[in-house]
Amino acid sequence: MTAPAPLCRLADLSDPGSTAFTVERDGERIAIMVIRRGNRVFGWVNSCPHAWVPLDIEPGQFLDLVTGSEILCANHGARFEVETGFCVLGPCKGKRLAPYPVAVREGMVVAVDSPVL
């Protein structure tokens, strides 16, 4: 098991807010998103379960622009719950985003068991 890889300071993420990173797991490069809600963070693989394309509205921007309460797929308009990754609207309704393990440790957002590239 490797030490958690630091991604960014929690204070550097807006609340609510989102950002993107590329990490490595088992020799594979993975694009992920990190979403902040208060002192909690949620990590998801940046890939829509409908067409396997990135969800970013703009680089690192994943939350709907009106309320910031849901993850929005810029390609198909699908909407996902931040906490569960569950799709509540769109062509992949009923499916989920793939989770990616992140945590807050000593004020830092870290990728658990993955080096950052």
Protein backbone atom coordinates (compact mmCIF):
# COMPACT_ATOMS: atom_id res chain seq x y z
CA MET A 1 0.00 0.00 0.00
CA THR A 2 1.35 3.41 -0.94
CA ALA A 3 0.95 6.61 1.04
CA PRO A 4 -1.94 8.84 -0.04
CA ALA A 5 -0.88 11.20 -2.84
CA PRO A 6 -1.65 14.87 -2.21
CA LEU A 7 -3.84 16.49 -4.86
CA CYS A 8 -4.49 19.98 -3.48
CA ARG A 9 -5.29 21.89 -0.33
CA LEU A 10 -8.94 21.68 0.68
CA ALA A 11 -8.91 25.48 1.10
CA ASP A 12 -8.01 25.81 -2.61
CA LEU A 13 -11.34 24.24 -3.65
CA SER A 14 -14.47 26.38 -3.68
CA ASP A 15 -17.37 25.16 -1.56
CA PRO A 16 -19.19 23.82 -3.47
CA GLY A 17 -16.50 23.27 -6.04
CA SER A 18 -14.80 20.83 -8.34
CA THR A 19 -11.48 20.18 -10.01
CA ALA A 20 -9.78 17.54 -12.17
CA PHE A 21 -6.63 15.47 -11.78
CA THR A 22 -4.83 12.63 -13.52
CA VAL A 23 -3.68 9.84 -11.23
CA GLU A 24 -2.09 6.47 -11.76
CA ARG A 25 -3.46 3.20 -10.45
CA ASP A 26 -1.94 -0.18 -11.27
CA GLY A 27 0.06 1.39 -14.11
CA GLU A 28 -3.00 3.01 -15.71
CA ARG A 29 -3.53 6.78 -16.04
CA ILE A 30 -7.00 7.76 -14.82
CA ALA A 31 -8.76 11.12 -15.18
CA ILE A 32 -10.68 11.88 -12.00
CA MET A 33 -12.82 14.67 -10.60
CA VAL A 34 -12.91 15.83 -7.01
CA ILE A 35 -16.05 17.53 -5.73
CA ARG A 36 -16.12 19.48 -2.46
CA ARG A 37 -19.08 19.79 -0.12
CA GLY A 38 -18.12 21.51 3.12
CA ASN A 39 -15.25 19.56 4.67
CA ARG A 40 -16.07 16.44 2.63
CA VAL A 41 -14.71 15.48 -0.79
CA PHE A 42 -16.00 12.97 -3.32
CA GLY A 43 -13.90 11.38 -6.03
CA TRP A 44 -15.25 10.05 -9.30
CA VAL A 45 -13.66 8.79 -12.51
CA ASN A 46 -14.18 11.48 -15.15
CA SER A 47 -16.12 9.30 -17.58
CA CYS A 48 -19.84 9.37 -18.38
CA PRO A 49 -21.35 5.88 -18.04
CA HIS A 50 -23.46 6.58 -21.15
CA ALA A 51 -20.74 7.22 -23.76
CA TRP A 52 -17.47 6.98 -21.76
CA VAL A 53 -16.51 10.59 -22.50
CA PRO A 54 -15.23 13.21 -20.01
CA LEU A 55 -17.94 15.16 -18.19
CA ASP A 56 -16.17 18.56 -17.83
CA ILE A 57 -18.21 21.62 -18.78
CA GLU A 58 -14.85 23.42 -18.88
CA PRO A 59 -11.58 21.92 -17.62
CA GLY A 60 -12.15 21.01 -13.96
CA GLN A 61 -15.75 22.31 -13.93
CA PHE A 62 -18.24 19.51 -13.25
CA LEU A 63 -21.03 21.08 -11.20
CA ASP A 64 -24.16 22.50 -12.78
CA LEU A 65 -23.72 26.23 -13.26
CA VAL A 66 -27.04 27.30 -11.72
CA THR A 67 -27.09 25.62 -8.30
CA GLY A 68 -23.80 23.72 -8.08
CA SER A 69 -25.74 20.87 -6.52
CA GLU A 70 -25.26 18.15 -9.14
CA ILE A 71 -22.52 16.85 -11.42
CA LEU A 72 -23.45 17.63 -15.01
CA CYS A 73 -22.26 15.82 -18.14
CA ALA A 74 -21.48 18.55 -20.66
CA ASN A 75 -21.96 16.12 -23.56
CA HIS A 76 -25.41 14.69 -22.85
CA GLY A 77 -26.85 16.79 -20.02
CA ALA A 78 -26.96 13.83 -17.63
CA ARG A 79 -27.11 14.82 -13.96
CA PHE A 80 -25.48 12.90 -11.12
CA GLU A 81 -25.74 13.12 -7.35
CA VAL A 82 -22.49 14.40 -5.86
CA GLU A 83 -22.50 12.03 -2.87
CA THR A 84 -23.49 8.80 -4.66
CA GLY A 85 -22.57 9.30 -8.32
CA PHE A 86 -26.08 8.06 -9.18
CA CYS A 87 -27.51 9.42 -12.45
CA VAL A 88 -30.89 11.02 -11.79
CA LEU A 89 -31.53 12.49 -15.26
CA GLY A 90 -30.35 11.80 -18.79
CA PRO A 91 -29.50 8.90 -21.07
CA CYS A 92 -27.68 6.98 -18.34
CA LYS A 93 -30.42 7.38 -15.70
CA GLY A 94 -30.07 4.66 -13.08
CA LYS A 95 -26.35 4.11 -13.70
CA ARG A 96 -23.52 5.45 -11.53
CA LEU A 97 -20.19 7.15 -11.97
CA ALA A 98 -17.22 4.98 -11.05
CA PRO A 99 -15.94 6.02 -7.60
CA TYR A 100 -12.34 7.02 -6.98
CA PRO A 101 -11.01 7.00 -3.39
CA VAL A 102 -10.13 10.46 -2.08
CA ALA A 103 -9.98 11.84 1.44
CA VAL A 104 -9.10 14.94 3.43
CA ARG A 105 -6.00 14.52 5.59
CA GLU A 106 -4.53 17.41 7.56
CA GLY A 107 -6.18 19.97 5.30
CA MET A 108 -5.04 18.25 2.09
CA VAL A 109 -7.19 16.43 -0.46
CA VAL A 110 -5.42 13.15 -1.19
CA ALA A 111 -5.84 10.31 -3.65
CA VAL A 112 -5.77 7.12 -1.65
CA ASP A 113 -3.27 4.54 -2.98
CA SER A 114 -2.47 6.45 -6.22
CA PRO A 115 0.41 8.65 -7.33
CA VAL A 116 -0.53 11.93 -9.00
CA LEU A 117 0.86 12.51 -12.49
